[in-house]
Structure formats: structure tokens, C-alpha cells
Amino acid sequence: MIRSDAFLRRILVLDGAVSLVSGLAMLLGAPVLAGLTAIDPAVLRGAGAILLPFAAFVLWTATRSTVPVWAVWTIIGINVLWTIESFVSLATGWLAPNALGTAVVVVQAVAVAVLAELEMMAVRRPAQRVA
């Protein structure tokens, strides 16, 4: 468990909020986003559907009086997998977006990687662990 750490909680709230907004945008705005990015609307809706429970879990974790270490490492792992999957989807041609779509996928993948790194830095701070 990790005692209250404002930095970790802020990063988790940011991760959860961005995931929630992105998930809702992809679910509700898939046709519009597909027109702009040339990403299949079903893929966008699927990604949005994945993001909503993830966002709920991240926000739940951020609001615990004692943040569970296992939960933070789970969030980090999912963020790393999301980042890898984003680049692999582009590299293998599974996603074939236009230039704007490619930029969106790359930017969000880098942003998720940065969040994972910040979460990792926060969870590794040794002074915050409690028995």
C-alpha cells in the first residue's frame, strides 16, 4: 500500500479523466472521428468501450485512502500495453489511418507512455510505502 501521495493521486486522476473523456469521445463520436482519421468506427467504439472501465478503475484507485500498489502496477502495465498496441497496429497495417489519424494514434500513445512513466516514478518512491 502507498500512503497518500499528492503527486501519484494527481497523475492517476489525470490518467482516469483523460481515459474517460477519450472513451466517451470514441464511443459517442465514432462516426465523426472516423471521418477525420480514417480509422474504422468499430475500432474507435471498441477502444472507447475498453477505456471506460479502465477509467473507472484508475479513478477508483486514485480515491482510496491508501493506494494499493498492485492497482498502480496494473494501471502501469495496461498503459504500457496500450502504447505498444498502438504502435504495432500502425506498423503492421492493422490500422491504416490517414495522416491526421496516424498523428492522433502516435500522440495518444506517447501521452499514455508518459503517464505510465510518471506513475512508475511515483510508485517507486520508497518513503511512501507502508507495511
N, C-alpha and C. Protein backbone atom coordinates (compact mmCIF):
# COMPACT_ATOMS: atom_id res chain seq x y z
N MET A 1 0.82 -1.18 0.00
CA MET A 1 0.00 0.00 0.00
C MET A 1 0.87 1.25 0.00
N ILE A 2 0.31 2.32 -0.50
CA ILE A 2 1.02 3.59 -0.55
C ILE A 2 0.19 4.61 0.21
N ARG A 3 0.84 5.31 1.13
CA ARG A 3 0.16 6.39 1.84
C ARG A 3 -0.21 7.49 0.86
N SER A 4 -1.04 8.37 1.30
CA SER A 4 -1.46 9.49 0.46
C SER A 4 -0.26 10.20 -0.15
N ASP A 5 -0.20 10.25 -1.44
CA ASP A 5 0.85 10.96 -2.16
C ASP A 5 0.17 11.81 -3.21
N ALA A 6 0.25 13.10 -3.03
CA ALA A 6 -0.46 14.03 -3.92
C ALA A 6 -0.03 13.86 -5.37
N PHE A 7 1.27 13.66 -5.62
CA PHE A 7 1.76 13.52 -7.00
C PHE A 7 1.14 12.29 -7.66
N LEU A 8 1.19 11.15 -6.99
CA LEU A 8 0.62 9.93 -7.55
C LEU A 8 -0.88 10.10 -7.79
N ARG A 9 -1.57 10.65 -6.84
CA ARG A 9 -3.02 10.83 -6.99
C ARG A 9 -3.35 11.78 -8.15
N ARG A 10 -2.58 12.84 -8.30
CA ARG A 10 -2.83 13.78 -9.42
C ARG A 10 -2.62 13.08 -10.76
N ILE A 11 -1.57 12.28 -10.86
CA ILE A 11 -1.31 11.57 -12.12
C ILE A 11 -2.42 10.56 -12.39
N LEU A 12 -2.85 9.84 -11.36
CA LEU A 12 -3.94 8.87 -11.54
C LEU A 12 -5.24 9.56 -11.94
N VAL A 13 -5.55 10.69 -11.31
CA VAL A 13 -6.77 11.43 -11.67
C VAL A 13 -6.67 11.92 -13.11
N LEU A 14 -5.51 12.43 -13.50
CA LEU A 14 -5.31 12.87 -14.89
C LEU A 14 -5.50 11.69 -15.85
N ASP A 15 -4.87 10.56 -15.56
CA ASP A 15 -4.99 9.37 -16.40
C ASP A 15 -6.46 8.95 -16.50
N GLY A 16 -7.13 8.88 -15.36
CA GLY A 16 -8.53 8.47 -15.36
C GLY A 16 -9.43 9.44 -16.11
N ALA A 17 -9.22 10.73 -15.91
CA ALA A 17 -10.05 11.74 -16.57
C ALA A 17 -9.84 11.73 -18.08
N VAL A 18 -8.59 11.67 -18.50
CA VAL A 18 -8.30 11.63 -19.94
C VAL A 18 -8.86 10.35 -20.56
N SER A 19 -8.73 9.24 -19.86
CA SER A 19 -9.28 7.98 -20.37
C SER A 19 -10.80 8.05 -20.48
N LEU A 20 -11.44 8.65 -19.49
CA LEU A 20 -12.90 8.79 -19.50
C LEU A 20 -13.36 9.66 -20.67
N VAL A 21 -12.74 10.81 -20.83
CA VAL A 21 -13.12 11.73 -21.91
C VAL A 21 -12.84 11.09 -23.27
N SER A 22 -11.68 10.47 -23.41
CA SER A 22 -11.33 9.81 -24.68
C SER A 22 -12.29 8.67 -24.98
N GLY A 23 -12.60 7.87 -23.97
CA GLY A 23 -13.52 6.75 -24.16
C GLY A 23 -14.90 7.22 -24.60
N LEU A 24 -15.41 8.24 -23.93
CA LEU A 24 -16.72 8.79 -24.32
C LEU A 24 -16.69 9.38 -25.72
N ALA A 25 -15.61 10.09 -26.04
CA ALA A 25 -15.49 10.68 -27.38
C ALA A 25 -15.47 9.60 -28.46
N MET A 26 -14.73 8.52 -28.20
CA MET A 26 -14.66 7.44 -29.20
C MET A 26 -15.98 6.69 -29.31
N LEU A 27 -16.64 6.47 -28.19
CA LEU A 27 -17.93 5.76 -28.23
C LEU A 27 -19.01 6.60 -28.88
N LEU A 28 -19.13 7.84 -28.46
CA LEU A 28 -20.22 8.68 -28.93
C LEU A 28 -19.92 9.40 -30.24
N GLY A 29 -18.64 9.61 -30.53
CA GLY A 29 -18.28 10.36 -31.72
C GLY A 29 -17.57 9.54 -32.77
N ALA A 30 -17.73 8.23 -32.72
CA ALA A 30 -17.01 7.36 -33.65
C ALA A 30 -17.21 7.73 -35.12
N PRO A 31 -18.43 8.00 -35.58
CA PRO A 31 -18.59 8.34 -37.00
C PRO A 31 -17.83 9.61 -37.39
N VAL A 32 -17.89 10.62 -36.55
CA VAL A 32 -17.19 11.88 -36.85
C VAL A 32 -15.68 11.66 -36.81
N LEU A 33 -15.20 11.00 -35.76
CA LEU A 33 -13.76 10.74 -35.65
C LEU A 33 -13.26 9.86 -36.79
N ALA A 34 -14.07 8.90 -37.20
CA ALA A 34 -13.69 8.03 -38.32
C ALA A 34 -13.54 8.85 -39.60
N GLY A 35 -14.44 9.80 -39.81
CA GLY A 35 -14.35 10.66 -40.99
C GLY A 35 -13.09 11.51 -41.00
N LEU A 36 -12.66 11.93 -39.83
CA LEU A 36 -11.46 12.77 -39.72
C LEU A 36 -10.16 11.97 -39.79
N THR A 37 -10.18 10.75 -39.25
CA THR A 37 -8.93 9.98 -39.08
C THR A 37 -8.79 8.78 -40.00
N ALA A 38 -9.86 8.38 -40.66
CA ALA A 38 -9.90 7.17 -41.48
C ALA A 38 -9.65 5.91 -40.66
N ILE A 39 -10.01 5.95 -39.38
CA ILE A 39 -9.97 4.77 -38.52
C ILE A 39 -11.39 4.23 -38.46
N ASP A 40 -11.54 2.93 -38.66
CA ASP A 40 -12.85 2.27 -38.67
C ASP A 40 -13.64 2.66 -37.41
N PRO A 41 -14.89 3.08 -37.57
CA PRO A 41 -15.68 3.46 -36.40
C PRO A 41 -15.85 2.32 -35.39
N ALA A 42 -15.88 1.08 -35.86
CA ALA A 42 -15.99 -0.06 -34.94
C ALA A 42 -14.75 -0.15 -34.05
N VAL A 43 -13.60 0.15 -34.62
CA VAL A 43 -12.35 0.15 -33.83
C VAL A 43 -12.41 1.26 -32.79
N LEU A 44 -12.87 2.43 -33.20
CA LEU A 44 -12.98 3.55 -32.27
C LEU A 44 -13.96 3.23 -31.14
N ARG A 45 -15.11 2.67 -31.50
CA ARG A 45 -16.09 2.31 -30.46
C ARG A 45 -15.52 1.24 -29.53
N GLY A 46 -14.81 0.27 -30.09
CA GLY A 46 -14.19 -0.77 -29.26
C GLY A 46 -13.17 -0.20 -28.29
N ALA A 47 -12.33 0.69 -28.79
CA ALA A 47 -11.33 1.33 -27.92
C ALA A 47 -12.02 2.16 -26.85
N GLY A 48 -13.08 2.86 -27.23
CA GLY A 48 -13.83 3.65 -26.25
C GLY A 48 -14.45 2.77 -25.17
N ALA A 49 -14.98 1.63 -25.59
CA ALA A 49 -15.59 0.70 -24.64
C ALA A 49 -14.57 0.12 -23.67
N ILE A 50 -13.34 -0.05 -24.13
CA ILE A 50 -12.26 -0.54 -23.25
C ILE A 50 -11.85 0.55 -22.27
N LEU A 51 -11.81 1.78 -22.74
CA LEU A 51 -11.34 2.88 -21.89
C LEU A 51 -12.26 3.21 -20.72
N LEU A 52 -13.55 3.01 -20.87
CA LEU A 52 -14.47 3.41 -19.80
C LEU A 52 -14.27 2.62 -18.50
N PRO A 53 -14.23 1.28 -18.53
CA PRO A 53 -13.96 0.57 -17.27
C PRO A 53 -12.54 0.82 -16.76
N PHE A 54 -11.60 1.02 -17.68
CA PHE A 54 -10.24 1.35 -17.26
C PHE A 54 -10.24 2.68 -16.50
N ALA A 55 -10.93 3.68 -17.04
CA ALA A 55 -11.01 4.99 -16.39
C ALA A 55 -11.64 4.85 -15.00
N ALA A 56 -12.68 4.06 -14.90
CA ALA A 56 -13.33 3.86 -13.60
C ALA A 56 -12.36 3.23 -12.60
N PHE A 57 -11.59 2.25 -13.05
CA PHE A 57 -10.62 1.59 -12.17
C PHE A 57 -9.52 2.56 -11.73
N VAL A 58 -9.03 3.37 -12.66
CA VAL A 58 -7.98 4.34 -12.33
C VAL A 58 -8.50 5.36 -11.33
N LEU A 59 -9.69 5.87 -11.57
CA LEU A 59 -10.26 6.86 -10.65
C LEU A 59 -10.58 6.24 -9.29
N TRP A 60 -11.05 5.00 -9.29
CA TRP A 60 -11.27 4.29 -8.02
C TRP A 60 -9.96 4.19 -7.25
N THR A 61 -8.89 3.81 -7.95
CA THR A 61 -7.58 3.67 -7.32
C THR A 61 -7.13 5.00 -6.73
N ALA A 62 -7.32 6.07 -7.47
CA ALA A 62 -6.88 7.40 -7.02
C ALA A 62 -7.61 7.87 -5.77
N THR A 63 -8.80 7.35 -5.53
CA THR A 63 -9.60 7.84 -4.41
C THR A 63 -9.51 6.97 -3.16
N ARG A 64 -8.71 5.93 -3.18
CA ARG A 64 -8.55 5.09 -1.98
C ARG A 64 -7.77 5.86 -0.93
N SER A 65 -8.10 5.65 0.33
CA SER A 65 -7.35 6.32 1.40
C SER A 65 -5.90 5.84 1.40
N THR A 66 -5.71 4.57 1.09
CA THR A 66 -4.37 4.02 0.89
C THR A 66 -4.35 3.40 -0.50
N VAL A 67 -3.52 3.93 -1.36
CA VAL A 67 -3.50 3.48 -2.76
C VAL A 67 -2.86 2.09 -2.83
N PRO A 68 -3.57 1.10 -3.38
CA PRO A 68 -2.99 -0.24 -3.49
C PRO A 68 -1.89 -0.28 -4.55
N VAL A 69 -0.73 -0.76 -4.15
CA VAL A 69 0.40 -0.84 -5.08
C VAL A 69 0.05 -1.73 -6.27
N TRP A 70 -0.62 -2.84 -6.01
CA TRP A 70 -0.97 -3.76 -7.10
C TRP A 70 -1.82 -3.04 -8.15
N ALA A 71 -2.70 -2.15 -7.71
CA ALA A 71 -3.57 -1.43 -8.64
C ALA A 71 -2.76 -0.48 -9.52
N VAL A 72 -1.81 0.22 -8.90
CA VAL A 72 -0.99 1.16 -9.68
C VAL A 72 -0.15 0.39 -10.70
N TRP A 73 0.45 -0.73 -10.29
CA TRP A 73 1.24 -1.52 -11.24
C TRP A 73 0.36 -2.10 -12.34
N THR A 74 -0.88 -2.44 -12.03
CA THR A 74 -1.81 -2.91 -13.06
C THR A 74 -2.09 -1.80 -14.06
N ILE A 75 -2.32 -0.61 -13.57
CA ILE A 75 -2.56 0.55 -14.44
C ILE A 75 -1.35 0.82 -15.32
N ILE A 76 -0.17 0.78 -14.72
CA ILE A 76 1.06 0.99 -15.49
C ILE A 76 1.17 -0.06 -16.59
N GLY A 77 0.93 -1.32 -16.25
CA GLY A 77 1.02 -2.40 -17.23
C GLY A 77 0.04 -2.22 -18.38
N ILE A 78 -1.18 -1.84 -18.06
CA ILE A 78 -2.19 -1.62 -19.11
C ILE A 78 -1.77 -0.44 -19.99
N ASN A 79 -1.25 0.61 -19.39
CA ASN A 79 -0.79 1.76 -20.18
C ASN A 79 0.36 1.38 -21.11
N VAL A 80 1.28 0.57 -20.62
CA VAL A 80 2.40 0.12 -21.46
C VAL A 80 1.87 -0.74 -22.62
N LEU A 81 0.96 -1.65 -22.32
CA LEU A 81 0.38 -2.49 -23.37
C LEU A 81 -0.38 -1.66 -24.39
N TRP A 82 -1.11 -0.66 -23.93
CA TRP A 82 -1.86 0.23 -24.84
C TRP A 82 -0.89 0.94 -25.79
N THR A 83 0.22 1.42 -25.23
CA THR A 83 1.22 2.12 -26.04
C THR A 83 1.80 1.19 -27.10
N ILE A 84 2.20 0.00 -26.68
CA ILE A 84 2.77 -0.97 -27.63
C ILE A 84 1.76 -1.32 -28.70
N GLU A 85 0.53 -1.60 -28.29
CA GLU A 85 -0.51 -1.98 -29.24
C GLU A 85 -0.77 -0.87 -30.26
N SER A 86 -0.70 0.36 -29.82
CA SER A 86 -0.92 1.48 -30.74
C SER A 86 0.12 1.50 -31.86
N PHE A 87 1.38 1.35 -31.48
CA PHE A 87 2.45 1.36 -32.49
C PHE A 87 2.44 0.11 -33.35
N VAL A 88 2.16 -1.04 -32.74
CA VAL A 88 2.10 -2.29 -33.51
C VAL A 88 0.96 -2.23 -34.52
N SER A 89 -0.17 -1.67 -34.12
CA SER A 89 -1.32 -1.55 -35.03
C SER A 89 -0.98 -0.71 -36.26
N LEU A 90 -0.20 0.33 -36.06
CA LEU A 90 0.23 1.14 -37.21
C LEU A 90 1.28 0.41 -38.04
N ALA A 91 2.26 -0.19 -37.37
CA ALA A 91 3.37 -0.83 -38.07
C ALA A 91 2.93 -2.03 -38.89
N THR A 92 1.94 -2.77 -38.41
CA THR A 92 1.50 -3.97 -39.12
C THR A 92 0.42 -3.69 -40.15
N GLY A 93 -0.09 -2.47 -40.16
CA GLY A 93 -1.15 -2.13 -41.09
C GLY A 93 -2.54 -2.51 -40.60
N TRP A 94 -2.64 -3.01 -39.36
CA TRP A 94 -3.96 -3.32 -38.82
C TRP A 94 -4.82 -2.07 -38.80
N LEU A 95 -4.20 -0.97 -38.44
CA LEU A 95 -4.83 0.34 -38.60
C LEU A 95 -4.18 1.00 -39.81
N ALA A 96 -4.99 1.58 -40.67
CA ALA A 96 -4.46 2.29 -41.84
C ALA A 96 -5.08 3.68 -41.90
N PRO A 97 -4.80 4.50 -40.91
CA PRO A 97 -5.41 5.83 -40.88
C PRO A 97 -4.76 6.77 -41.88
N ASN A 98 -5.40 7.90 -42.08
CA ASN A 98 -4.78 8.95 -42.88
C ASN A 98 -3.72 9.65 -42.02
N ALA A 99 -3.15 10.73 -42.54
CA ALA A 99 -2.07 11.41 -41.81
C ALA A 99 -2.54 11.93 -40.46
N LEU A 100 -3.72 12.51 -40.41
CA LEU A 100 -4.24 13.00 -39.13
C LEU A 100 -4.47 11.84 -38.17
N GLY A 101 -5.02 10.75 -38.67
CA GLY A 101 -5.26 9.57 -37.83
C GLY A 101 -3.96 8.99 -37.28
N THR A 102 -2.94 8.95 -38.13
CA THR A 102 -1.63 8.47 -37.68
C THR A 102 -1.09 9.37 -36.58
N ALA A 103 -1.20 10.67 -36.78
CA ALA A 103 -0.73 11.62 -35.77
C ALA A 103 -1.49 11.44 -34.46
N VAL A 104 -2.79 11.25 -34.54
CA VAL A 104 -3.60 11.05 -33.33
C VAL A 104 -3.16 9.80 -32.59
N VAL A 105 -2.98 8.70 -33.31
CA VAL A 105 -2.56 7.44 -32.68
C VAL A 105 -1.19 7.60 -32.03
N VAL A 106 -0.26 8.22 -32.74
CA VAL A 106 1.10 8.40 -32.19
C VAL A 106 1.08 9.32 -30.98
N VAL A 107 0.39 10.44 -31.07
CA VAL A 107 0.37 11.39 -29.95
C VAL A 107 -0.27 10.76 -28.71
N GLN A 108 -1.39 10.06 -28.88
CA GLN A 108 -2.02 9.45 -27.71
C GLN A 108 -1.16 8.33 -27.15
N ALA A 109 -0.45 7.59 -28.00
CA ALA A 109 0.43 6.54 -27.50
C ALA A 109 1.58 7.12 -26.68
N VAL A 110 2.16 8.20 -27.16
CA VAL A 110 3.24 8.86 -26.42
C VAL A 110 2.70 9.43 -25.11
N ALA A 111 1.52 10.03 -25.14
CA ALA A 111 0.93 10.58 -23.91
C ALA A 111 0.68 9.48 -22.88
N VAL A 112 0.19 8.33 -23.33
CA VAL A 112 -0.05 7.21 -22.42
C VAL A 112 1.27 6.69 -21.86
N ALA A 113 2.31 6.64 -22.70
CA ALA A 113 3.63 6.21 -22.21
C ALA A 113 4.16 7.18 -21.15
N VAL A 114 3.96 8.46 -21.36
CA VAL A 114 4.40 9.46 -20.37
C VAL A 114 3.64 9.27 -19.06
N LEU A 115 2.34 9.04 -19.13
CA LEU A 115 1.56 8.78 -17.91
C LEU A 115 2.09 7.54 -17.19
N ALA A 116 2.37 6.49 -17.94
CA ALA A 116 2.91 5.27 -17.32
C ALA A 116 4.23 5.55 -16.63
N GLU A 117 5.09 6.32 -17.26
CA GLU A 117 6.38 6.66 -16.66
C GLU A 117 6.19 7.49 -15.39
N LEU A 118 5.32 8.47 -15.43
CA LEU A 118 5.06 9.29 -14.24
C LEU A 118 4.48 8.44 -13.10
N GLU A 119 3.58 7.54 -13.44
CA GLU A 119 3.02 6.64 -12.42
C GLU A 119 4.10 5.74 -11.84
N MET A 120 4.98 5.27 -12.70
CA MET A 120 6.08 4.41 -12.24
C MET A 120 7.01 5.19 -11.31
N MET A 121 7.33 6.41 -11.68
CA MET A 121 8.19 7.24 -10.82
C MET A 121 7.53 7.44 -9.46
N ALA A 122 6.24 7.70 -9.46
CA ALA A 122 5.53 7.97 -8.21
C ALA A 122 5.45 6.73 -7.32
N VAL A 123 5.18 5.58 -7.93
CA VAL A 123 5.00 4.37 -7.12
C VAL A 123 6.33 3.84 -6.59
N ARG A 124 7.42 4.22 -7.22
CA ARG A 124 8.74 3.74 -6.78
C ARG A 124 9.34 4.58 -5.66
N ARG A 125 8.72 5.67 -5.30
CA ARG A 125 9.24 6.50 -4.21
C ARG A 125 9.19 5.68 -2.92
N PRO A 126 10.35 5.30 -2.38
CA PRO A 126 10.36 4.36 -1.25
C PRO A 126 9.75 4.90 0.03
N ALA A 127 9.77 6.17 0.27
CA ALA A 127 9.27 6.73 1.53
C ALA A 127 7.76 6.61 1.67
N GLN A 128 7.06 6.33 0.61
CA GLN A 128 5.61 6.32 0.67
C GLN A 128 5.01 4.96 1.00
N ARG A 129 5.80 3.93 0.95
CA ARG A 129 5.26 2.60 1.19
C ARG A 129 4.98 2.40 2.67
N VAL A 130 3.90 1.71 2.96
CA VAL A 130 3.59 1.35 4.34
C VAL A 130 3.44 -0.16 4.41
N ALA A 131 3.72 -0.72 5.55
CA ALA A 131 3.67 -2.18 5.71
C ALA A 131 2.27 -2.71 5.64
